[in-house]
Amino acid sequence: MDTEKIKSIIKMFEESQISKMDLTDGDMHITLEKEMEPVEVVRKVKTAPIYHETETKEPQMQGTPMKSPLVGTYYQASGSNQSPVVKVGDHVNVGDTICIIEAMKVMNEIKATTGGTVLSINVNDGETVEYDQVLMMIG
């Protein structure tokens, strides 16, 4: 981590009203606390594992991502006593419903844009999702 980045992190933390800050940058993860002396903060930041620009920040995902077309609440099933629409390992075809997203009290069926096996489901039932967030991977 370069000196300017370290200085900006320390300045941001010192000027904040928070007493504790978790900092993550690539592989580096440190916790800073207000009670720490500035020299201890610098030592902690400088000795953290270094993120290299050639590394990727996110693990590479296999398959095709199915992304949320809207902001809302993700549901795996159409009702609380219903089975999930899809589970990891299920096969889906283009146009099959893969989940439901509630937005503004409207239940929207989200359709698969590619066929294949559901490799992972990246969202928990009842969780709020953002536009373009990866819901699941299909391969």
N, C-alpha and C. Protein backbone atom coordinates (compact mmCIF):
# COMPACT_ATOMS: atom_id res chain seq x y z
N MET A 1 0.86 -1.17 0.00
CA MET A 1 0.00 0.00 0.00
C MET A 1 0.91 1.23 0.00
N ASP A 2 0.63 2.18 -0.89
CA ASP A 2 1.51 3.34 -0.99
C ASP A 2 1.27 4.34 0.14
N THR A 3 2.26 5.20 0.34
CA THR A 3 2.24 6.17 1.44
C THR A 3 1.04 7.10 1.38
N GLU A 4 0.69 7.58 0.20
CA GLU A 4 -0.44 8.50 0.07
C GLU A 4 -1.75 7.84 0.48
N LYS A 5 -1.91 6.59 0.12
CA LYS A 5 -3.12 5.86 0.49
C LYS A 5 -3.19 5.71 2.01
N ILE A 6 -2.06 5.38 2.63
CA ILE A 6 -2.00 5.23 4.09
C ILE A 6 -2.37 6.55 4.75
N LYS A 7 -1.79 7.66 4.27
CA LYS A 7 -2.08 8.98 4.85
C LYS A 7 -3.56 9.32 4.72
N SER A 8 -4.15 9.02 3.58
CA SER A 8 -5.57 9.36 3.39
C SER A 8 -6.47 8.51 4.29
N ILE A 9 -6.10 7.26 4.52
CA ILE A 9 -6.87 6.38 5.41
C ILE A 9 -6.81 6.92 6.84
N ILE A 10 -5.60 7.25 7.29
CA ILE A 10 -5.43 7.75 8.65
C ILE A 10 -6.19 9.06 8.83
N LYS A 11 -6.08 9.97 7.86
CA LYS A 11 -6.77 11.27 7.95
C LYS A 11 -8.29 11.07 8.00
N MET A 12 -8.81 10.21 7.13
CA MET A 12 -10.24 9.95 7.10
C MET A 12 -10.71 9.40 8.44
N PHE A 13 -9.96 8.47 9.01
CA PHE A 13 -10.32 7.86 10.28
C PHE A 13 -10.27 8.87 11.42
N GLU A 14 -9.20 9.67 11.48
CA GLU A 14 -9.04 10.66 12.54
C GLU A 14 -10.13 11.72 12.50
N GLU A 15 -10.59 12.09 11.30
CA GLU A 15 -11.61 13.13 11.17
C GLU A 15 -13.03 12.60 11.36
N SER A 16 -13.18 11.30 11.40
CA SER A 16 -14.52 10.72 11.52
C SER A 16 -15.00 10.75 12.96
N GLN A 17 -16.29 10.51 13.13
CA GLN A 17 -16.91 10.46 14.45
C GLN A 17 -17.00 9.02 14.97
N ILE A 18 -16.49 8.08 14.19
CA ILE A 18 -16.60 6.69 14.59
C ILE A 18 -15.44 6.29 15.50
N SER A 19 -15.65 5.30 16.33
CA SER A 19 -14.61 4.88 17.27
C SER A 19 -13.85 3.65 16.77
N LYS A 20 -14.42 2.97 15.77
CA LYS A 20 -13.79 1.76 15.26
C LYS A 20 -14.07 1.67 13.76
N MET A 21 -13.08 1.22 12.99
CA MET A 21 -13.26 1.14 11.54
C MET A 21 -12.61 -0.14 11.03
N ASP A 22 -13.37 -0.92 10.27
CA ASP A 22 -12.82 -2.08 9.58
C ASP A 22 -12.44 -1.63 8.19
N LEU A 23 -11.24 -1.95 7.79
CA LEU A 23 -10.71 -1.53 6.50
C LEU A 23 -10.35 -2.76 5.70
N THR A 24 -10.89 -2.85 4.48
CA THR A 24 -10.58 -3.96 3.60
C THR A 24 -10.12 -3.41 2.26
N ASP A 25 -9.02 -3.93 1.79
CA ASP A 25 -8.49 -3.54 0.49
C ASP A 25 -7.85 -4.78 -0.12
N GLY A 26 -8.56 -5.41 -1.05
CA GLY A 26 -8.05 -6.65 -1.61
C GLY A 26 -7.95 -7.71 -0.54
N ASP A 27 -6.74 -8.24 -0.31
CA ASP A 27 -6.53 -9.27 0.70
C ASP A 27 -6.34 -8.70 2.10
N MET A 28 -6.17 -7.38 2.19
CA MET A 28 -5.89 -6.75 3.47
C MET A 28 -7.18 -6.49 4.24
N HIS A 29 -7.17 -6.84 5.52
CA HIS A 29 -8.30 -6.50 6.39
C HIS A 29 -7.74 -6.15 7.76
N ILE A 30 -7.97 -4.91 8.21
CA ILE A 30 -7.51 -4.48 9.52
C ILE A 30 -8.64 -3.74 10.23
N THR A 31 -8.54 -3.69 11.55
CA THR A 31 -9.49 -2.93 12.35
C THR A 31 -8.73 -1.83 13.06
N LEU A 32 -9.19 -0.60 12.89
CA LEU A 32 -8.58 0.55 13.55
C LEU A 32 -9.52 1.03 14.64
N GLU A 33 -8.95 1.45 15.76
CA GLU A 33 -9.75 1.95 16.87
C GLU A 33 -9.25 3.34 17.26
N LYS A 34 -10.18 4.22 17.66
CA LYS A 34 -9.86 5.61 18.01
C LYS A 34 -8.77 5.71 19.07
N GLU A 35 -8.76 4.78 20.03
CA GLU A 35 -7.79 4.85 21.13
C GLU A 35 -6.37 4.58 20.67
N MET A 36 -6.19 4.07 19.47
CA MET A 36 -4.86 3.73 18.98
C MET A 36 -4.06 4.99 18.71
N GLU A 37 -2.78 4.93 19.04
CA GLU A 37 -1.88 6.04 18.74
C GLU A 37 -1.63 6.06 17.22
N PRO A 38 -1.41 7.26 16.64
CA PRO A 38 -1.17 7.34 15.18
C PRO A 38 -0.06 6.42 14.69
N VAL A 39 1.00 6.28 15.48
CA VAL A 39 2.10 5.42 15.06
C VAL A 39 1.66 3.96 15.00
N GLU A 40 0.75 3.55 15.91
CA GLU A 40 0.23 2.18 15.90
C GLU A 40 -0.66 1.95 14.69
N VAL A 41 -1.44 2.98 14.32
CA VAL A 41 -2.29 2.90 13.12
C VAL A 41 -1.42 2.70 11.89
N VAL A 42 -0.35 3.51 11.78
CA VAL A 42 0.56 3.41 10.62
C VAL A 42 1.18 2.02 10.58
N ARG A 43 1.66 1.53 11.73
CA ARG A 43 2.27 0.20 11.77
C ARG A 43 1.28 -0.87 11.33
N LYS A 44 0.06 -0.78 11.81
CA LYS A 44 -0.96 -1.78 11.48
C LYS A 44 -1.28 -1.77 9.99
N VAL A 45 -1.40 -0.57 9.41
CA VAL A 45 -1.69 -0.46 7.98
C VAL A 45 -0.51 -0.95 7.16
N LYS A 46 0.71 -0.56 7.54
CA LYS A 46 1.90 -0.93 6.76
C LYS A 46 2.21 -2.42 6.84
N THR A 47 1.85 -3.07 7.93
CA THR A 47 2.18 -4.49 8.07
C THR A 47 1.07 -5.42 7.59
N ALA A 48 -0.05 -4.85 7.17
CA ALA A 48 -1.13 -5.67 6.63
C ALA A 48 -0.69 -6.27 5.30
N PRO A 49 -1.24 -7.43 4.92
CA PRO A 49 -0.90 -8.00 3.61
C PRO A 49 -1.17 -6.98 2.50
N ILE A 50 -0.33 -6.98 1.51
CA ILE A 50 -0.43 -5.99 0.44
C ILE A 50 -1.26 -6.53 -0.71
N TYR A 51 -2.14 -5.68 -1.20
CA TYR A 51 -2.95 -6.01 -2.38
C TYR A 51 -2.15 -5.63 -3.62
N HIS A 52 -2.02 -6.54 -4.54
CA HIS A 52 -1.30 -6.28 -5.79
C HIS A 52 -2.30 -6.03 -6.90
N GLU A 53 -2.06 -5.02 -7.72
CA GLU A 53 -2.98 -4.65 -8.79
C GLU A 53 -3.23 -5.79 -9.77
N THR A 54 -2.31 -6.74 -9.88
CA THR A 54 -2.49 -7.83 -10.84
C THR A 54 -3.47 -8.88 -10.32
N GLU A 55 -3.77 -8.85 -9.02
CA GLU A 55 -4.71 -9.81 -8.46
C GLU A 55 -6.13 -9.32 -8.67
N THR A 56 -7.08 -10.22 -8.68
CA THR A 56 -8.47 -9.81 -8.80
C THR A 56 -9.04 -9.58 -7.42
N LYS A 57 -9.93 -8.62 -7.30
CA LYS A 57 -10.53 -8.30 -6.01
C LYS A 57 -11.61 -9.29 -5.64
N GLU A 58 -12.29 -9.89 -6.61
CA GLU A 58 -13.35 -10.84 -6.34
C GLU A 58 -12.97 -12.19 -6.92
N PRO A 59 -13.38 -13.25 -6.26
CA PRO A 59 -13.09 -14.56 -6.82
C PRO A 59 -13.79 -14.72 -8.17
N GLN A 60 -13.15 -15.41 -9.07
CA GLN A 60 -13.75 -15.66 -10.38
C GLN A 60 -14.93 -16.61 -10.21
N MET A 61 -16.05 -16.24 -10.79
CA MET A 61 -17.24 -17.08 -10.69
C MET A 61 -17.37 -17.91 -11.95
N GLN A 62 -17.75 -19.16 -11.78
CA GLN A 62 -17.98 -20.06 -12.90
C GLN A 62 -19.42 -19.92 -13.35
N GLY A 63 -19.66 -20.06 -14.64
CA GLY A 63 -21.02 -20.01 -15.15
C GLY A 63 -21.44 -18.62 -15.58
N THR A 64 -22.73 -18.49 -15.84
CA THR A 64 -23.32 -17.23 -16.28
C THR A 64 -24.09 -16.61 -15.13
N PRO A 65 -23.81 -15.35 -14.81
CA PRO A 65 -24.55 -14.72 -13.70
C PRO A 65 -25.98 -14.37 -14.11
N MET A 66 -26.92 -14.67 -13.24
CA MET A 66 -28.29 -14.21 -13.39
C MET A 66 -28.42 -13.00 -12.47
N LYS A 67 -28.61 -11.84 -13.06
CA LYS A 67 -28.61 -10.59 -12.30
C LYS A 67 -30.02 -10.07 -12.08
N SER A 68 -30.18 -9.34 -10.99
CA SER A 68 -31.47 -8.75 -10.67
C SER A 68 -31.78 -7.61 -11.63
N PRO A 69 -32.95 -7.63 -12.26
CA PRO A 69 -33.32 -6.55 -13.17
C PRO A 69 -33.95 -5.35 -12.44
N LEU A 70 -34.08 -5.47 -11.11
CA LEU A 70 -34.70 -4.39 -10.34
C LEU A 70 -34.28 -4.46 -8.88
N VAL A 71 -34.59 -3.42 -8.14
CA VAL A 71 -34.35 -3.36 -6.70
C VAL A 71 -35.59 -3.90 -6.00
N GLY A 72 -35.39 -4.73 -5.00
CA GLY A 72 -36.54 -5.27 -4.28
C GLY A 72 -36.14 -6.33 -3.29
N THR A 73 -37.08 -7.15 -2.89
CA THR A 73 -36.84 -8.23 -1.94
C THR A 73 -36.86 -9.56 -2.68
N TYR A 74 -35.81 -10.35 -2.50
CA TYR A 74 -35.63 -11.64 -3.17
C TYR A 74 -36.38 -12.73 -2.40
N TYR A 75 -37.14 -13.52 -3.16
CA TYR A 75 -37.82 -14.68 -2.57
C TYR A 75 -37.51 -15.92 -3.40
N GLN A 76 -37.23 -17.02 -2.72
CA GLN A 76 -36.95 -18.28 -3.39
C GLN A 76 -38.22 -19.00 -3.81
N ALA A 77 -39.34 -18.67 -3.18
CA ALA A 77 -40.61 -19.36 -3.45
C ALA A 77 -41.74 -18.34 -3.55
N SER A 78 -42.85 -18.78 -4.11
CA SER A 78 -43.99 -17.87 -4.28
C SER A 78 -44.80 -17.67 -3.01
N GLY A 79 -44.53 -18.48 -1.99
CA GLY A 79 -45.22 -18.33 -0.71
C GLY A 79 -44.40 -18.94 0.41
N SER A 80 -44.75 -18.62 1.64
CA SER A 80 -43.95 -19.09 2.78
C SER A 80 -43.98 -20.60 2.95
N ASN A 81 -45.03 -21.27 2.52
CA ASN A 81 -45.12 -22.73 2.66
C ASN A 81 -44.80 -23.45 1.36
N GLN A 82 -44.28 -22.74 0.39
CA GLN A 82 -43.98 -23.31 -0.93
C GLN A 82 -42.51 -23.75 -1.02
N SER A 83 -42.24 -24.69 -1.91
CA SER A 83 -40.87 -25.11 -2.18
C SER A 83 -40.16 -24.04 -3.00
N PRO A 84 -38.83 -23.94 -2.86
CA PRO A 84 -38.08 -22.96 -3.67
C PRO A 84 -38.32 -23.21 -5.16
N VAL A 85 -38.34 -22.15 -5.93
CA VAL A 85 -38.53 -22.26 -7.38
C VAL A 85 -37.39 -23.07 -7.98
N VAL A 86 -36.15 -22.76 -7.57
CA VAL A 86 -34.98 -23.54 -8.00
C VAL A 86 -34.05 -23.72 -6.81
N LYS A 87 -33.27 -24.80 -6.88
CA LYS A 87 -32.25 -25.08 -5.87
C LYS A 87 -30.94 -25.34 -6.60
N VAL A 88 -29.83 -25.24 -5.88
CA VAL A 88 -28.53 -25.56 -6.46
C VAL A 88 -28.59 -27.00 -6.97
N GLY A 89 -28.15 -27.19 -8.20
CA GLY A 89 -28.18 -28.51 -8.83
C GLY A 89 -29.34 -28.71 -9.78
N ASP A 90 -30.37 -27.85 -9.68
CA ASP A 90 -31.51 -27.95 -10.59
C ASP A 90 -31.11 -27.51 -11.99
N HIS A 91 -31.77 -28.08 -13.00
CA HIS A 91 -31.56 -27.65 -14.38
C HIS A 91 -32.67 -26.66 -14.75
N VAL A 92 -32.29 -25.56 -15.40
CA VAL A 92 -33.27 -24.57 -15.86
C VAL A 92 -33.08 -24.33 -17.35
N ASN A 93 -34.17 -23.95 -17.98
CA ASN A 93 -34.15 -23.59 -19.40
C ASN A 93 -34.37 -22.08 -19.52
N VAL A 94 -34.00 -21.54 -20.67
CA VAL A 94 -34.24 -20.12 -20.92
C VAL A 94 -35.74 -19.85 -20.75
N GLY A 95 -36.06 -18.83 -19.98
CA GLY A 95 -37.45 -18.46 -19.75
C GLY A 95 -38.10 -19.06 -18.52
N ASP A 96 -37.41 -20.03 -17.89
CA ASP A 96 -37.94 -20.60 -16.65
C ASP A 96 -37.85 -19.57 -15.53
N THR A 97 -38.82 -19.58 -14.64
CA THR A 97 -38.77 -18.71 -13.47
C THR A 97 -37.70 -19.24 -12.53
N ILE A 98 -36.80 -18.33 -12.07
CA ILE A 98 -35.73 -18.76 -11.17
C ILE A 98 -35.89 -18.19 -9.76
N CYS A 99 -36.69 -17.13 -9.61
CA CYS A 99 -36.96 -16.55 -8.29
C CYS A 99 -38.04 -15.49 -8.44
N ILE A 100 -38.38 -14.88 -7.34
CA ILE A 100 -39.37 -13.81 -7.33
C ILE A 100 -38.76 -12.61 -6.62
N ILE A 101 -38.95 -11.43 -7.18
CA ILE A 101 -38.50 -10.21 -6.52
C ILE A 101 -39.71 -9.31 -6.33
N GLU A 102 -39.94 -8.96 -5.06
CA GLU A 102 -41.04 -8.06 -4.73
C GLU A 102 -40.52 -6.63 -4.80
N ALA A 103 -41.20 -5.82 -5.61
CA ALA A 103 -40.84 -4.41 -5.73
C ALA A 103 -42.12 -3.60 -5.71
N MET A 104 -42.22 -2.70 -4.77
CA MET A 104 -43.40 -1.84 -4.63
C MET A 104 -44.68 -2.66 -4.56
N LYS A 105 -44.64 -3.72 -3.75
CA LYS A 105 -45.77 -4.61 -3.48
C LYS A 105 -46.22 -5.42 -4.70
N VAL A 106 -45.36 -5.50 -5.71
CA VAL A 106 -45.65 -6.31 -6.89
C VAL A 106 -44.65 -7.46 -6.91
N MET A 107 -45.18 -8.68 -7.06
CA MET A 107 -44.34 -9.87 -7.13
C MET A 107 -43.94 -10.09 -8.59
N ASN A 108 -42.63 -10.00 -8.88
CA ASN A 108 -42.10 -10.13 -10.23
C ASN A 108 -41.38 -11.46 -10.38
N GLU A 109 -41.82 -12.28 -11.31
CA GLU A 109 -41.12 -13.53 -11.59
C GLU A 109 -39.89 -13.20 -12.43
N ILE A 110 -38.73 -13.65 -11.97
CA ILE A 110 -37.48 -13.42 -12.69
C ILE A 110 -37.19 -14.67 -13.50
N LYS A 111 -36.96 -14.47 -14.79
CA LYS A 111 -36.77 -15.59 -15.72
C LYS A 111 -35.29 -15.80 -16.03
N ALA A 112 -34.91 -17.04 -16.29
CA ALA A 112 -33.55 -17.38 -16.68
C ALA A 112 -33.28 -16.86 -18.09
N THR A 113 -32.13 -16.24 -18.26
CA THR A 113 -31.74 -15.75 -19.59
C THR A 113 -30.81 -16.73 -20.29
N THR A 114 -30.45 -17.80 -19.59
CA THR A 114 -29.63 -18.86 -20.15
C THR A 114 -30.06 -20.18 -19.52
N GLY A 115 -29.80 -21.25 -20.21
CA GLY A 115 -30.13 -22.57 -19.67
C GLY A 115 -28.92 -23.22 -19.05
N GLY A 116 -29.16 -24.16 -18.16
CA GLY A 116 -28.06 -24.89 -17.54
C GLY A 116 -28.40 -25.30 -16.13
N THR A 117 -27.38 -25.67 -15.39
CA THR A 117 -27.53 -26.11 -14.01
C THR A 117 -27.29 -24.93 -13.06
N VAL A 118 -28.11 -24.82 -12.03
CA VAL A 118 -27.91 -23.78 -11.02
C VAL A 118 -26.68 -24.17 -10.21
N LEU A 119 -25.61 -23.37 -10.34
CA LEU A 119 -24.34 -23.65 -9.66
C LEU A 119 -24.30 -23.06 -8.26
N SER A 120 -24.88 -21.88 -8.10
CA SER A 120 -24.90 -21.25 -6.78
C SER A 120 -26.06 -20.27 -6.71
N ILE A 121 -26.55 -20.07 -5.50
CA ILE A 121 -27.55 -19.04 -5.23
C ILE A 121 -26.87 -18.07 -4.28
N ASN A 122 -26.72 -16.83 -4.72
CA ASN A 122 -25.89 -15.86 -4.01
C ASN A 122 -26.67 -14.93 -3.09
N VAL A 123 -27.96 -15.17 -2.92
CA VAL A 123 -28.81 -14.29 -2.12
C VAL A 123 -29.63 -15.15 -1.16
N ASN A 124 -29.86 -14.65 0.03
CA ASN A 124 -30.70 -15.34 1.01
C ASN A 124 -32.15 -14.94 0.83
N ASP A 125 -33.04 -15.87 1.13
CA ASP A 125 -34.47 -15.61 1.03
C ASP A 125 -34.85 -14.42 1.92
N GLY A 126 -35.62 -13.49 1.35
CA GLY A 126 -36.07 -12.33 2.11
C GLY A 126 -35.08 -11.18 2.14
N GLU A 127 -33.97 -11.32 1.45
CA GLU A 127 -32.92 -10.31 1.44
C GLU A 127 -33.21 -9.25 0.38
N THR A 128 -32.87 -8.01 0.67
CA THR A 128 -33.01 -6.93 -0.31
C THR A 128 -31.90 -7.07 -1.35
N VAL A 129 -32.28 -6.91 -2.62
CA VAL A 129 -31.29 -6.98 -3.69
C VAL A 129 -31.26 -5.66 -4.44
N GLU A 130 -30.11 -5.37 -5.01
CA GLU A 130 -29.90 -4.16 -5.79
C GLU A 130 -30.05 -4.48 -7.27
N TYR A 131 -30.23 -3.44 -8.06
CA TYR A 131 -30.26 -3.61 -9.51
C TYR A 131 -28.91 -4.16 -9.96
N ASP A 132 -28.91 -5.15 -10.81
CA ASP A 132 -27.72 -5.75 -11.42
C ASP A 132 -26.91 -6.61 -10.44
N GLN A 133 -27.44 -6.88 -9.25
CA GLN A 133 -26.76 -7.76 -8.30
C GLN A 133 -26.88 -9.19 -8.79
N VAL A 134 -25.80 -9.96 -8.65
CA VAL A 134 -25.82 -11.37 -9.07
C VAL A 134 -26.68 -12.16 -8.09
N LEU A 135 -27.74 -12.76 -8.60
CA LEU A 135 -28.64 -13.56 -7.79
C LEU A 135 -28.16 -15.02 -7.71
N MET A 136 -27.76 -15.53 -8.86
CA MET A 136 -27.30 -16.92 -8.92
C MET A 136 -26.43 -17.11 -10.15
N MET A 137 -25.70 -18.23 -10.15
CA MET A 137 -24.86 -18.58 -11.29
C MET A 137 -25.43 -19.84 -11.94
N ILE A 138 -25.51 -19.82 -13.26
CA ILE A 138 -26.00 -20.97 -14.01
C ILE A 138 -24.93 -21.37 -15.01
N GLY A 139 -24.62 -22.66 -15.05
CA GLY A 139 -23.57 -23.12 -15.94
C GLY A 139 -23.93 -24.37 -16.67
